[in-house]
Amino acid sequence: MLGVRTGLPVEHCMPVVAGEMDLWRRACGRCSLQRLCLPYGLDGSDIMRLEQLVSIDNPVACGHVVFEQGDYLSALYAVRSGAMKSVIIDEDGLEQVLGFHYPGDLLGLDGMADRQHHCSALALEHSTVCRIPFERLDALLDELPSLRRQLMRLMSQALLDDEELLMSLGRKSSEGRIASLLLSLSHRRELRGLAATPVRLAMKRADLASFLRMRTETISRVLKRLQVDGIIRLDKRDVDIVDPGQLRAWAGRSAWLADQ
């Protein structure tokens, strides 16, 4: 069952983009996100077997949790529409944002080692997820080598993303971090078959600051400078990338130039 604890005030919730909600009504074999998710690489009969495991939960309201840190791992979750964030709460009760998740992303991989979630997943906007019971999935992995390979690929990609983030935080300036994030979100839109721009920042500035290890005022200052320089155009939480070439140049800025 999905949790009901809320973590975001209503005014920070973003509406679902028109046309995205119908994605959750499709089965794996007809889902436009299958290339990003577990069905990728499976033949028709194997996809049908996977479909028998998958259930589509009721929409997750903005600020509500899919699972919480410390919960027993009972299922993996694939984001079908909307946006999520994963967070960890330290011993002092402080929240650290670990990542942002969009349609096609798989949640819950962190708990596979010891069957316990080590972070929480919350909806940044009204979202839908596919629920895949872990016990049944684990049994199916023994029968379908192609499914096991795809899960391994997704886990490997998650590790690579973590390594890239650590490198970005350690070597890039504040400008470089934000530019890299915008380019990453743009690329993820393209993978979903959407236009590369505009990029929607469904999260609060505080979430961005936590994720990028920056101050919220630095986030606002850099975004404003990017707009003044004609590289992006801001419209509330939508970011239109006007000059991708210049944004890529900003993404390579060294940490030696950081002025946080």
Protein backbone atom coordinates (compact mmCIF):
# COMPACT_ATOMS: atom_id res chain seq x y z
CA MET A 1 0.00 0.00 0.00
CA LEU A 2 1.12 3.53 -0.68
CA GLY A 3 1.89 5.72 2.28
CA VAL A 4 -0.17 8.74 3.19
CA ARG A 5 2.42 10.88 4.97
CA THR A 6 2.81 14.15 3.15
CA GLY A 7 6.07 15.99 2.76
CA LEU A 8 5.16 18.95 0.55
CA PRO A 9 2.66 21.78 1.03
CA VAL A 10 0.05 21.93 -1.71
CA GLU A 11 1.37 25.18 -3.16
CA HIS A 12 4.62 23.43 -4.09
CA CYS A 13 2.86 20.66 -6.02
CA MET A 14 2.92 20.72 -9.78
CA PRO A 15 -0.02 19.63 -11.95
CA VAL A 16 0.48 16.65 -14.26
CA VAL A 17 1.25 17.65 -17.84
CA ALA A 18 -1.64 17.01 -20.20
CA GLY A 19 -1.18 13.73 -22.05
CA GLU A 20 1.11 12.11 -19.47
CA MET A 21 -1.61 10.64 -17.25
CA ASP A 22 -2.79 8.28 -20.00
CA LEU A 23 0.59 6.49 -19.86
CA TRP A 24 -0.37 4.69 -16.66
CA ARG A 25 -3.37 3.04 -18.26
CA ARG A 26 -1.22 1.04 -20.69
CA ALA A 27 0.22 -2.41 -20.04
CA CYS A 28 3.98 -3.08 -20.30
CA GLY A 29 3.80 -4.28 -23.89
CA ARG A 30 2.13 -1.07 -25.08
CA CYS A 31 3.81 1.39 -22.72
CA SER A 32 5.90 4.05 -24.42
CA LEU A 33 8.36 3.85 -21.50
CA GLN A 34 9.24 0.17 -21.86
CA ARG A 35 12.63 0.98 -23.46
CA LEU A 36 13.61 2.70 -20.20
CA CYS A 37 12.16 0.13 -17.85
CA LEU A 38 12.18 -3.62 -17.09
CA PRO A 39 10.44 -4.81 -20.33
CA TYR A 40 13.33 -3.60 -22.54
CA GLY A 41 14.91 -6.49 -24.42
CA LEU A 42 12.12 -8.98 -23.66
CA ASP A 43 10.16 -10.72 -26.40
CA GLY A 44 6.38 -10.62 -26.52
CA SER A 45 5.74 -13.76 -24.47
CA ASP A 46 8.20 -12.72 -21.76
CA ILE A 47 6.64 -9.26 -21.54
CA MET A 48 3.27 -10.92 -21.00
CA ARG A 49 4.70 -12.91 -18.09
CA LEU A 50 6.11 -9.71 -16.58
CA GLU A 51 2.77 -7.97 -17.05
CA GLN A 52 1.12 -10.60 -14.86
CA LEU A 53 3.23 -9.36 -11.93
CA VAL A 54 2.68 -5.66 -12.44
CA SER A 55 -0.13 -3.73 -10.82
CA ILE A 56 -0.80 -0.05 -11.36
CA ASP A 57 -1.44 1.65 -8.04
CA ASN A 58 -3.82 4.52 -7.54
CA PRO A 59 -2.27 7.90 -8.34
CA VAL A 60 0.14 9.12 -5.68
CA ALA A 61 -0.84 12.57 -4.44
CA CYS A 62 1.78 15.29 -4.32
CA GLY A 63 3.85 14.99 -1.16
CA HIS A 64 2.74 11.44 -0.37
CA VAL A 65 5.20 8.58 -0.02
CA VAL A 66 5.54 5.41 -2.06
CA PHE A 67 7.79 3.84 0.58
CA GLU A 68 9.64 5.11 3.63
CA GLN A 69 13.15 4.68 4.94
CA GLY A 70 13.25 1.56 7.10
CA ASP A 71 10.28 -0.13 5.39
CA TYR A 72 10.56 -3.78 4.39
CA LEU A 73 11.19 -4.17 0.66
CA SER A 74 8.03 -5.76 -0.66
CA ALA A 75 8.10 -4.36 -4.19
CA LEU A 76 9.96 -2.33 -6.77
CA TYR A 77 8.19 0.64 -8.33
CA ALA A 78 8.42 2.05 -11.84
CA VAL A 79 7.43 5.69 -12.31
CA ARG A 80 4.82 5.98 -15.06
CA SER A 81 3.90 9.67 -14.85
CA GLY A 82 4.78 12.67 -12.73
CA ALA A 83 7.98 13.06 -10.72
CA MET A 84 9.43 11.70 -7.48
CA LYS A 85 12.31 12.45 -5.19
CA SER A 86 14.29 10.04 -3.03
CA VAL A 87 15.49 11.32 0.33
CA ILE A 88 17.35 10.03 3.36
CA ILE A 89 16.82 11.26 6.90
CA ASP A 90 19.93 11.41 9.08
CA GLU A 91 20.18 10.85 12.83
CA ASP A 92 19.45 14.53 13.48
CA GLY A 93 16.26 14.38 11.43
CA LEU A 94 17.69 16.39 8.54
CA GLU A 95 16.58 15.48 5.02
CA GLN A 96 19.10 14.95 2.22
CA VAL A 97 17.78 14.68 -1.33
CA LEU A 98 19.43 11.79 -3.15
CA GLY A 99 17.81 12.13 -6.55
CA PHE A 100 14.86 13.03 -8.74
CA HIS A 101 12.96 10.37 -10.64
CA TYR A 102 10.83 10.55 -13.77
CA PRO A 103 8.78 8.19 -15.97
CA GLY A 104 10.76 5.05 -16.74
CA ASP A 105 12.86 5.21 -13.56
CA LEU A 106 12.83 2.26 -11.15
CA LEU A 107 12.53 2.89 -7.40
CA GLY A 108 13.45 0.54 -4.57
CA LEU A 109 16.74 -0.88 -5.86
CA ASP A 110 18.43 0.40 -2.69
CA GLY A 111 16.66 -2.27 -0.63
CA MET A 112 17.61 -5.35 -2.60
CA ALA A 113 20.71 -6.17 -0.52
CA ASP A 114 19.01 -6.59 2.86
CA ARG A 115 15.30 -6.29 1.94
CA GLN A 116 15.00 -2.90 3.67
CA HIS A 117 14.57 0.52 2.12
CA HIS A 118 17.40 2.89 3.00
CA CYS A 119 15.64 5.99 1.69
CA SER A 120 12.11 7.31 1.20
CA ALA A 121 10.39 8.06 -2.11
CA LEU A 122 7.92 10.98 -2.26
CA ALA A 123 5.85 12.43 -5.09
CA LEU A 124 6.86 15.91 -6.24
CA GLU A 125 3.61 16.16 -8.19
CA HIS A 126 0.60 13.95 -8.69
CA SER A 127 2.16 10.77 -10.07
CA THR A 128 1.47 7.15 -10.97
CA VAL A 129 3.65 4.10 -10.41
CA CYS A 130 3.69 0.45 -11.41
CA ARG A 131 4.13 -1.92 -8.46
CA ILE A 132 6.21 -5.07 -9.02
CA PRO A 133 6.13 -7.53 -6.07
CA PHE A 134 9.73 -8.39 -5.30
CA GLU A 135 9.26 -12.06 -4.34
CA ARG A 136 7.45 -12.84 -7.58
CA LEU A 137 9.93 -10.80 -9.60
CA ASP A 138 12.85 -12.62 -7.98
CA ALA A 139 11.36 -15.97 -8.98
CA LEU A 140 10.77 -14.78 -12.54
CA LEU A 141 14.38 -13.62 -12.85
CA ASP A 142 15.50 -17.26 -12.58
CA GLU A 143 13.28 -18.17 -15.50
CA LEU A 144 14.00 -15.20 -17.77
CA PRO A 145 17.73 -14.45 -18.25
CA SER A 146 16.88 -11.43 -20.43
CA LEU A 147 14.89 -9.91 -17.57
CA ARG A 148 17.78 -10.51 -15.17
CA ARG A 149 20.18 -8.81 -17.60
CA GLN A 150 17.87 -5.80 -17.87
CA LEU A 151 17.59 -5.47 -14.10
CA MET A 152 21.38 -5.68 -13.83
CA ARG A 153 21.67 -2.99 -16.50
CA LEU A 154 19.31 -0.70 -14.59
CA MET A 155 21.24 -1.27 -11.37
CA SER A 156 24.53 -0.58 -13.14
CA GLN A 157 23.11 2.63 -14.60
CA ALA A 158 22.02 3.72 -11.12
CA LEU A 159 25.60 3.21 -9.88
CA LEU A 160 27.00 5.18 -12.83
CA ASP A 161 24.58 8.02 -12.13
CA ASP A 162 25.74 8.11 -8.50
CA GLU A 163 29.39 8.22 -9.60
CA GLU A 164 28.67 11.01 -12.07
CA LEU A 165 26.90 12.98 -9.36
CA LEU A 166 29.81 12.62 -6.96
CA MET A 167 32.24 13.77 -9.64
CA SER A 168 30.00 16.72 -10.49
CA LEU A 169 29.70 17.81 -6.86
CA GLY A 170 33.42 17.47 -6.28
CA ARG A 171 34.79 19.06 -9.44
CA LYS A 172 32.21 21.49 -10.80
CA SER A 173 31.33 25.02 -9.80
CA SER A 174 27.80 26.00 -8.79
CA GLU A 175 27.17 27.09 -12.39
CA GLY A 176 28.47 23.78 -13.68
CA ARG A 177 26.26 21.78 -11.33
CA ILE A 178 23.06 23.55 -12.32
CA ALA A 179 23.88 23.48 -16.04
CA SER A 180 24.66 19.75 -15.81
CA LEU A 181 21.35 19.09 -14.04
CA LEU A 182 19.36 20.98 -16.69
CA LEU A 183 21.10 19.08 -19.48
CA SER A 184 20.48 15.78 -17.69
CA LEU A 185 16.77 16.53 -17.27
CA SER A 186 16.58 17.59 -20.92
CA HIS A 187 18.20 14.32 -22.03
CA ARG A 188 15.80 12.31 -19.89
CA ARG A 189 12.88 14.04 -21.61
CA GLU A 190 14.26 12.97 -24.98
CA LEU A 191 14.57 9.37 -23.79
CA ARG A 192 10.86 9.47 -22.94
CA GLY A 193 10.06 10.62 -26.48
CA LEU A 194 9.34 14.22 -25.43
CA ALA A 195 10.82 17.47 -26.67
CA ALA A 196 14.20 18.27 -25.09
CA THR A 197 12.92 21.60 -23.83
CA PRO A 198 11.32 23.11 -21.80
CA VAL A 199 12.55 21.33 -18.69
CA ARG A 200 10.13 21.40 -15.76
CA LEU A 201 11.63 21.84 -12.28
CA ALA A 202 8.90 20.12 -10.28
CA MET A 203 10.97 20.32 -7.10
CA LYS A 204 11.36 23.21 -4.65
CA ARG A 205 14.50 25.33 -4.69
CA ALA A 206 15.33 23.81 -1.29
CA ASP A 207 15.24 20.33 -2.87
CA LEU A 208 17.59 21.45 -5.62
CA ALA A 209 19.92 22.99 -3.06
CA SER A 210 19.94 19.80 -1.00
CA PHE A 211 20.59 17.62 -4.04
CA LEU A 212 23.36 19.81 -5.48
CA ARG A 213 24.87 20.66 -2.06
CA MET A 214 24.36 24.38 -2.62
CA ARG A 215 22.55 27.27 -0.97
CA THR A 216 19.06 28.13 -2.17
CA GLU A 217 20.12 31.71 -2.92
CA THR A 218 22.93 30.38 -5.12
CA ILE A 219 20.40 28.33 -7.09
CA SER A 220 18.29 31.43 -7.76
CA ARG A 221 21.33 33.57 -8.60
CA VAL A 222 22.71 31.11 -11.14
CA LEU A 223 19.35 30.56 -12.83
CA LYS A 224 18.85 34.31 -13.09
CA ARG A 225 22.31 34.77 -14.60
CA LEU A 226 21.65 32.02 -17.14
CA GLN A 227 18.49 33.85 -18.16
CA VAL A 228 20.19 37.26 -18.36
CA ASP A 229 22.86 35.72 -20.61
CA GLY A 230 20.16 34.38 -22.92
CA ILE A 231 21.02 30.74 -22.29
CA ILE A 232 17.68 29.81 -20.71
CA ARG A 233 14.24 31.36 -20.39
CA LEU A 234 12.37 30.96 -17.10
CA ASP A 235 8.59 30.70 -16.90
CA LYS A 236 7.67 29.88 -13.31
CA ARG A 237 9.09 26.33 -12.98
CA ASP A 238 9.54 25.68 -16.70
CA VAL A 239 13.06 26.21 -18.03
CA ASP A 240 13.34 26.68 -21.79
CA ILE A 241 16.89 25.91 -22.95
CA VAL A 242 17.51 28.59 -25.56
CA ASP A 243 21.23 27.98 -26.19
CA PRO A 244 22.18 24.32 -25.54
CA GLY A 245 25.76 24.89 -26.70
CA GLN A 246 26.40 27.60 -24.13
CA LEU A 247 24.68 25.53 -21.45
CA ARG A 248 27.05 22.65 -22.20
CA ALA A 249 29.96 25.05 -21.88
CA TRP A 250 28.68 26.12 -18.46
CA ALA A 251 28.31 22.46 -17.47
CA GLY A 252 32.07 22.02 -17.80
CA ARG A 253 32.97 24.80 -15.39
CA SER A 254 35.55 23.75 -12.80
CA ALA A 255 35.02 23.80 -9.05
CA TRP A 256 37.99 26.15 -8.81
CA LEU A 257 35.61 28.85 -10.05
CA ALA A 258 33.01 28.12 -7.40
CA ASP A 259 31.94 31.14 -5.41
CA GLN A 260 29.23 29.73 -3.17
